[in-house]
PDB file of N, CA and C in Angstrom:
ATOM      1  N   MET A   1     155.382 138.450 196.543  1.00  0.00           N
ATOM      2  CA  MET A   1     155.233 140.045 196.630  1.00  0.00           C
ATOM      3  C   MET A   1     156.951 140.787 196.769  1.00  0.00           C
ATOM      4  N   LEU A   2     156.554 142.264 196.674  1.00  0.00           N
ATOM      5  CA  LEU A   2     157.385 142.677 195.806  1.00  0.00           C
ATOM      6  C   LEU A   2     158.478 143.077 197.288  1.00  0.00           C
ATOM      7  N   ASP A   3     159.692 142.633 197.362  1.00  0.00           N
ATOM      8  CA  ASP A   3     160.362 143.318 198.405  1.00  0.00           C
ATOM      9  C   ASP A   3     161.446 143.996 198.690  1.00  0.00           C
ATOM     10  N   PRO A   4     161.169 145.888 197.601  1.00  0.00           N
ATOM     11  CA  PRO A   4     162.453 146.736 197.128  1.00  0.00           C
ATOM     12  C   PRO A   4     163.799 146.358 198.546  1.00  0.00           C
ATOM     13  N   GLU A   5     163.521 146.180 200.313  1.00  0.00           N
ATOM     14  CA  GLU A   5     164.968 146.816 200.658  1.00  0.00           C
ATOM     15  C   GLU A   5     165.175 144.886 200.525  1.00  0.00           C
ATOM     16  N   GLY A   6     164.236 144.070 200.447  1.00  0.00           N
ATOM     17  CA  GLY A   6     165.704 142.929 200.547  1.00  0.00           C
ATOM     18  C   GLY A   6     166.463 142.834 199.373  1.00  0.00           C
ATOM     19  N   LYS A   7     165.961 142.861 198.222  1.00  0.00           N
ATOM     20  CA  LYS A   7     166.972 143.266 197.377  1.00  0.00           C
ATOM     21  C   LYS A   7     167.880 143.937 197.130  1.00  0.00           C
ATOM     22  N   ALA A   8     167.976 145.696 198.229  1.00  0.00           N
ATOM     23  CA  ALA A   8     168.613 146.419 198.056  1.00  0.00           C
ATOM     24  C   ALA A   8     169.163 146.223 199.136  1.00  0.00           C
ATOM     25  N   ILE A   9     169.592 145.179 199.809  1.00  0.00           N
ATOM     26  CA  ILE A   9     169.522 144.536 200.096  1.00  0.00           C
ATOM     27  C   ILE A   9     170.631 143.656 200.049  1.00  0.00           C
ATOM     28  N   LYS A  10     169.975 142.417 199.603  1.00  0.00           N
ATOM     29  CA  LYS A  10     170.804 141.487 198.569  1.00  0.00           C
ATOM     30  C   LYS A  10     172.099 141.383 198.177  1.00  0.00           C
ATOM     31  N   LYS A  11     171.364 142.689 197.269  1.00  0.00           N
ATOM     32  CA  LYS A  11     172.016 143.396 195.853  1.00  0.00           C
ATOM     33  C   LYS A  11     173.974 144.172 196.748  1.00  0.00           C
ATOM     34  N   SER A  12     173.778 145.000 198.026  1.00  0.00           N
ATOM     35  CA  SER A  12     174.735 145.589 198.838  1.00  0.00           C
ATOM     36  C   SER A  12     175.762 144.386 199.210  1.00  0.00           C
ATOM     37  N   LEU A  13     174.758 143.170 200.064  1.00  0.00           N
ATOM     38  CA  LEU A  13     175.636 141.818 201.129  1.00  0.00           C
ATOM     39  C   LEU A  13     176.718 141.076 198.974  1.00  0.00           C
ATOM     40  N   GLN A  14     176.057 140.899 198.022  1.00  0.00           N
ATOM     41  CA  GLN A  14     176.812 140.792 197.121  1.00  0.00           C
ATOM     42  C   GLN A  14     178.101 141.461 196.862  1.00  0.00           C
ATOM     43  N   LYS A  15     177.279 142.596 196.347  1.00  0.00           N
ATOM     44  CA  LYS A  15     177.865 143.596 196.301  1.00  0.00           C
ATOM     45  C   LYS A  15     179.831 143.421 197.234  1.00  0.00           C
ATOM     46  N   VAL A  16     180.251 143.966 199.026  1.00  0.00           N
ATOM     47  CA  VAL A  16     180.533 144.137 199.407  1.00  0.00           C
ATOM     48  C   VAL A  16     181.469 141.802 199.490  1.00  0.00           C
ATOM     49  N   GLY A  17     181.120 141.788 198.708  1.00  0.00           N
ATOM     50  CA  GLY A  17     181.749 140.396 199.466  1.00  0.00           C
ATOM     51  C   GLY A  17     180.903 139.102 199.350  1.00  0.00           C
ATOM     52  N   PHE A  18     179.885 138.550 199.696  1.00  0.00           N
ATOM     53  CA  PHE A  18     178.877 137.868 200.228  1.00  0.00           C
ATOM     54  C   PHE A  18     177.828 137.225 199.065  1.00  0.00           C
ATOM     55  N   GLU A  19     178.714 136.413 197.968  1.00  0.00           N
ATOM     56  CA  GLU A  19     178.015 136.514 197.118  1.00  0.00           C
ATOM     57  C   GLU A  19     177.289 135.432 196.614  1.00  0.00           C
ATOM     58  N   ASP A  20     177.365 134.330 198.129  1.00  0.00           N
ATOM     59  CA  ASP A  20     175.728 132.992 198.486  1.00  0.00           C
ATOM     60  C   ASP A  20     175.184 133.172 198.976  1.00  0.00           C
ATOM     61  N   VAL A  21     174.476 134.721 198.374  1.00  0.00           N
ATOM     62  CA  VAL A  21     173.181 135.132 199.587  1.00  0.00           C
ATOM     63  C   VAL A  21     172.192 134.870 198.590  1.00  0.00           C
ATOM     64  N   GLU A  22     171.556 134.247 198.815  1.00  0.00           N
ATOM     65  CA  GLU A  22     170.867 133.973 197.513  1.00  0.00           C
ATOM     66  C   GLU A  22     169.411 134.596 197.457  1.00  0.00           C
ATOM     67  N   ASP A  23     168.799 135.374 199.100  1.00  0.00           N
ATOM     68  CA  ASP A  23     167.700 136.172 198.493  1.00  0.00           C
ATOM     69  C   ASP A  23     167.839 136.641 199.993  1.00  0.00           C
ATOM     70  N   ALA A  24     167.490 137.812 199.651  1.00  0.00           N
ATOM     71  CA  ALA A  24     166.741 138.380 201.592  1.00  0.00           C
ATOM     72  C   ALA A  24     165.572 138.998 201.513  1.00  0.00           C
ATOM     73  N   ARG A  25     164.785 139.169 202.312  1.00  0.00           N
ATOM     74  CA  ARG A  25     163.326 139.449 203.309  1.00  0.00           C
ATOM     75  C   ARG A  25     164.522 140.099 203.843  1.00  0.00           C
ATOM     76  N   VAL A  26     162.678 141.518 203.840  1.00  0.00           N
ATOM     77  CA  VAL A  26     162.580 142.326 205.006  1.00  0.00           C
ATOM     78  C   VAL A  26     161.132 142.178 205.237  1.00  0.00           C
ATOM     79  N   GLY A  27     161.060 142.262 206.522  1.00  0.00           N
ATOM     80  CA  GLY A  27     159.355 141.642 207.387  1.00  0.00           C
ATOM     81  C   GLY A  27     159.174 142.014 208.061  1.00  0.00           C
ATOM     82  N   LYS A  28     158.082 142.474 209.011  1.00  0.00           N
ATOM     83  CA  LYS A  28     157.650 142.789 209.902  1.00  0.00           C
ATOM     84  C   LYS A  28     157.264 141.592 211.219  1.00  0.00           C
ATOM     85  N   GLN A  29     156.982 141.444 212.503  1.00  0.00           N
ATOM     86  CA  GLN A  29     156.560 140.341 212.725  1.00  0.00           C
ATOM     87  C   GLN A  29     155.846 140.500 214.177  1.00  0.00           C
ATOM     88  N   ILE A  30     154.711 140.033 214.736  1.00  0.00           N
ATOM     89  CA  ILE A  30     153.449 140.755 215.592  1.00  0.00           C
ATOM     90  C   ILE A  30     153.921 139.440 216.189  1.00  0.00           C
ATOM     91  N   LYS A  31     154.135 139.855 217.513  1.00  0.00           N
ATOM     92  CA  LYS A  31     154.110 139.014 218.954  1.00  0.00           C
ATOM     93  C   LYS A  31     152.642 139.208 219.066  1.00  0.00           C
ATOM     94  N   LEU A  32     151.143 138.165 219.828  1.00  0.00           N
ATOM     95  CA  LEU A  32     150.628 138.471 220.579  1.00  0.00           C
ATOM     96  C   LEU A  32     150.429 137.095 222.218  1.00  0.00           C
ATOM     97  N   ARG A  33     149.972 137.506 222.108  1.00  0.00           N
ATOM     98  CA  ARG A  33     149.592 136.524 223.925  1.00  0.00           C
ATOM     99  C   ARG A  33     147.752 136.299 224.165  1.00  0.00           C
ATOM    100  N   LEU A  34     147.275 134.997 224.293  1.00  0.00           N
ATOM    101  CA  LEU A  34     146.211 135.136 224.293  1.00  0.00           C
ATOM    102  C   LEU A  34     145.854 133.782 225.363  1.00  0.00           C
ATOM    103  N   LYS A  35     144.180 134.206 225.698  1.00  0.00           N
ATOM    104  CA  LYS A  35     144.676 133.437 227.066  1.00  0.00           C
ATOM    105  C   LYS A  35     142.818 132.634 226.021  1.00  0.00           C
ATOM    106  N   ALA A  36     143.575 130.501 225.630  1.00  0.00           N
ATOM    107  CA  ALA A  36     143.533 129.683 225.115  1.00  0.00           C
ATOM    108  C   ALA A  36     142.785 128.440 225.601  1.00  0.00           C
ATOM    109  N   GLU A  37     142.260 127.870 226.043  1.00  0.00           N
ATOM    110  CA  GLU A  37     142.492 126.640 225.796  1.00  0.00           C
ATOM    111  C   GLU A  37     143.492 125.458 224.952  1.00  0.00           C
ATOM    112  N   SER A  38     143.304 125.053 223.933  1.00  0.00           N
ATOM    113  CA  SER A  38     144.256 124.684 222.334  1.00  0.00           C
ATOM    114  C   SER A  38     144.823 125.916 221.188  1.00  0.00           C
ATOM    115  N   LYS A  39     145.848 124.729 221.024  1.00  0.00           N
ATOM    116  CA  LYS A  39     146.233 126.125 220.263  1.00  0.00           C
ATOM    117  C   LYS A  39     145.471 126.316 218.452  1.00  0.00           C
ATOM    118  N   GLU A  40     144.298 125.329 218.563  1.00  0.00           N
ATOM    119  CA  GLU A  40     143.964 125.218 217.614  1.00  0.00           C
ATOM    120  C   GLU A  40     143.043 126.573 217.200  1.00  0.00           C
ATOM    121  N   GLU A  41     142.541 126.139 219.100  1.00  0.00           N
ATOM    122  CA  GLU A  41     141.955 128.228 218.877  1.00  0.00           C
ATOM    123  C   GLU A  41     142.491 128.794 218.928  1.00  0.00           C
ATOM    124  N   VAL A  42     143.642 129.444 219.487  1.00  0.00           N
ATOM    125  CA  VAL A  42     144.759 130.603 218.940  1.00  0.00           C
ATOM    126  C   VAL A  42     145.327 130.506 218.119  1.00  0.00           C
ATOM    127  N   ARG A  43     144.670 129.500 216.715  1.00  0.00           N
ATOM    128  CA  ARG A  43     145.763 128.973 215.138  1.00  0.00           C
ATOM    129  C   ARG A  43     144.251 130.564 215.158  1.00  0.00           C
ATOM    130  N   SER A  44     142.931 129.465 215.497  1.00  0.00           N
ATOM    131  CA  SER A  44     141.886 130.119 215.394  1.00  0.00           C
ATOM    132  C   SER A  44     141.077 131.816 214.653  1.00  0.00           C
ATOM    133  N   GLU A  45     142.541 132.497 216.140  1.00  0.00           N
ATOM    134  CA  GLU A  45     142.027 133.284 216.593  1.00  0.00           C
ATOM    135  C   GLU A  45     141.928 133.859 215.813  1.00  0.00           C
ATOM    136  N   VAL A  46     144.279 133.936 215.680  1.00  0.00           N
ATOM    137  CA  VAL A  46     145.117 134.733 214.875  1.00  0.00           C
ATOM    138  C   VAL A  46     144.588 135.042 213.820  1.00  0.00           C
ATOM    139  N   ASP A  47     143.708 133.456 213.040  1.00  0.00           N
ATOM    140  CA  ASP A  47     143.796 133.633 211.749  1.00  0.00           C
ATOM    141  C   ASP A  47     142.756 134.830 211.189  1.00  0.00           C
ATOM    142  N   LYS A  48     141.718 135.249 212.589  1.00  0.00           N
ATOM    143  CA  LYS A  48     140.632 136.459 212.252  1.00  0.00           C
ATOM    144  C   LYS A  48     141.343 137.833 212.354  1.00  0.00           C
ATOM    145  N   MET A  49     142.121 137.074 212.925  1.00  0.00           N
ATOM    146  CA  MET A  49     142.320 138.867 213.782  1.00  0.00           C
ATOM    147  C   MET A  49     143.528 139.594 212.409  1.00  0.00           C
ATOM    148  N   CYS A  50     143.932 138.555 212.198  1.00  0.00           N
ATOM    149  CA  CYS A  50     144.893 139.097 210.773  1.00  0.00           C
ATOM    150  C   CYS A  50     144.104 139.307 209.473  1.00  0.00           C
ATOM    151  N   LYS A  51     143.513 138.007 209.416  1.00  0.00           N
ATOM    152  CA  LYS A  51     142.001 138.302 208.268  1.00  0.00           C
ATOM    153  C   LYS A  51     141.241 140.089 208.132  1.00  0.00           C
ATOM    154  N   LYS A  52     141.138 140.546 209.529  1.00  0.00           N
ATOM    155  CA  LYS A  52     140.276 141.459 210.387  1.00  0.00           C
ATOM    156  C   LYS A  52     140.870 142.913 209.985  1.00  0.00           C
ATOM    157  N   ILE A  53     142.020 143.045 210.677  1.00  0.00           N
ATOM    158  CA  ILE A  53     142.742 144.486 211.124  1.00  0.00           C
ATOM    159  C   ILE A  53     144.190 144.346 210.450  1.00  0.00           C
ATOM    160  N   LEU A  54     144.432 143.028 211.249  1.00  0.00           N
ATOM    161  CA  LEU A  54     146.594 142.994 211.097  1.00  0.00           C
ATOM    162  C   LEU A  54     147.063 142.955 209.771  1.00  0.00           C
ATOM    163  N   ALA A  55     146.244 142.512 208.636  1.00  0.00           N
ATOM    164  CA  ALA A  55     147.064 141.973 207.897  1.00  0.00           C
ATOM    165  C   ALA A  55     146.111 141.698 206.086  1.00  0.00           C
ATOM    166  N   ASN A  56     146.422 142.604 204.854  1.00  0.00           N
ATOM    167  CA  ASN A  56     146.046 143.362 204.095  1.00  0.00           C
ATOM    168  C   ASN A  56     146.688 142.085 202.810  1.00  0.00           C
ATOM    169  N   PRO A  57     145.791 141.943 202.221  1.00  0.00           N
ATOM    170  CA  PRO A  57     146.348 141.143 202.036  1.00  0.00           C
ATOM    171  C   PRO A  57     146.501 140.819 200.124  1.00  0.00           C
ATOM    172  N   VAL A  58     146.709 142.124 199.968  1.00  0.00           N
ATOM    173  CA  VAL A  58     146.664 143.143 198.751  1.00  0.00           C
ATOM    174  C   VAL A  58     148.638 142.722 198.931  1.00  0.00           C
ATOM    175  N   ILE A  59     148.746 143.379 200.088  1.00  0.00           N
ATOM    176  CA  ILE A  59     150.274 143.914 199.579  1.00  0.00           C
ATOM    177  C   ILE A  59     151.242 142.251 201.110  1.00  0.00           C
ATOM    178  N   HIS A  60     150.073 142.619 201.904  1.00  0.00           N
ATOM    179  CA  HIS A  60     151.099 140.959 203.064  1.00  0.00           C
ATOM    180  C   HIS A  60     150.408 139.638 203.313  1.00  0.00           C
ATOM    181  N   GLN A  61     152.021 139.385 203.359  1.00  0.00           N
ATOM    182  CA  GLN A  61     151.220 137.483 203.608  1.00  0.00           C
ATOM    183  C   GLN A  61     151.474 137.628 204.917  1.00  0.00           C
ATOM    184  N   TYR A  62     151.799 136.278 205.225  1.00  0.00           N
ATOM    185  CA  TYR A  62     151.507 135.939 207.224  1.00  0.00           C
ATOM    186  C   TYR A  62     151.267 134.461 207.451  1.00  0.00           C
ATOM    187  N   ASN A  63     152.163 134.181 208.547  1.00  0.00           N
ATOM    188  CA  ASN A  63     152.757 132.181 208.720  1.00  0.00           C
ATOM    189  C   ASN A  63     152.016 133.096 210.148  1.00  0.00           C
ATOM    190  N   ILE A  64     151.080 132.185 210.556  1.00  0.00           N
ATOM    191  CA  ILE A  64     151.008 131.792 211.930  1.00  0.00           C
ATOM    192  C   ILE A  64     151.762 130.624 212.894  1.00  0.00           C
ATOM    193  N   LYS A  65     152.403 131.113 214.210  1.00  0.00           N
ATOM    194  CA  LYS A  65     153.646 130.431 215.089  1.00  0.00           C
ATOM    195  C   LYS A  65     153.012 129.843 216.755  1.00  0.00           C
ATOM    196  N   VAL A  66     152.556 129.088 216.675  1.00  0.00           N
ATOM    197  CA  VAL A  66     152.307 129.488 218.289  1.00  0.00           C
ATOM    198  C   VAL A  66     152.805 128.742 219.308  1.00  0.00           C
ATOM    199  N   GLU A  67     153.687 128.936 220.046  1.00  0.00           N
ATOM    200  CA  GLU A  67     154.319 128.235 220.852  1.00  0.00           C
ATOM    201  C   GLU A  67     154.145 128.116 222.619  1.00  0.00           C
ATOM    202  N   GLY A  68     153.513 127.096 223.526  1.00  0.00           N
ATOM    203  CA  GLY A  68     153.123 126.879 224.282  1.00  0.00           C
ATOM    204  C   GLY A  68     151.390 126.937 224.654  1.00  0.00           C
ATOM    205  N   ILE A  69     151.233 126.003 225.062  1.00  0.00           N
ATOM    206  CA  ILE A  69     149.901 126.250 225.374  1.00  0.00           C
ATOM    207  C   ILE A  69     149.461 125.870 227.225  1.00  0.00           C
TER     208      ILE A  69
END
């Protein structure tokens, strides 16, 4: 996935003395709260949401993290 903003940040950090920076990524986070009986149900519903409306598979990658229940 292309991340020109991440590359620019990495280059700038290295330029000002942070040579150990090997990679930088810039992204977006969406937090949702759902009513559900299990983590599996939450994961399944959120995956459907991502595929249907939240993520464009051509330009986005997504990870689902379920907390609590």
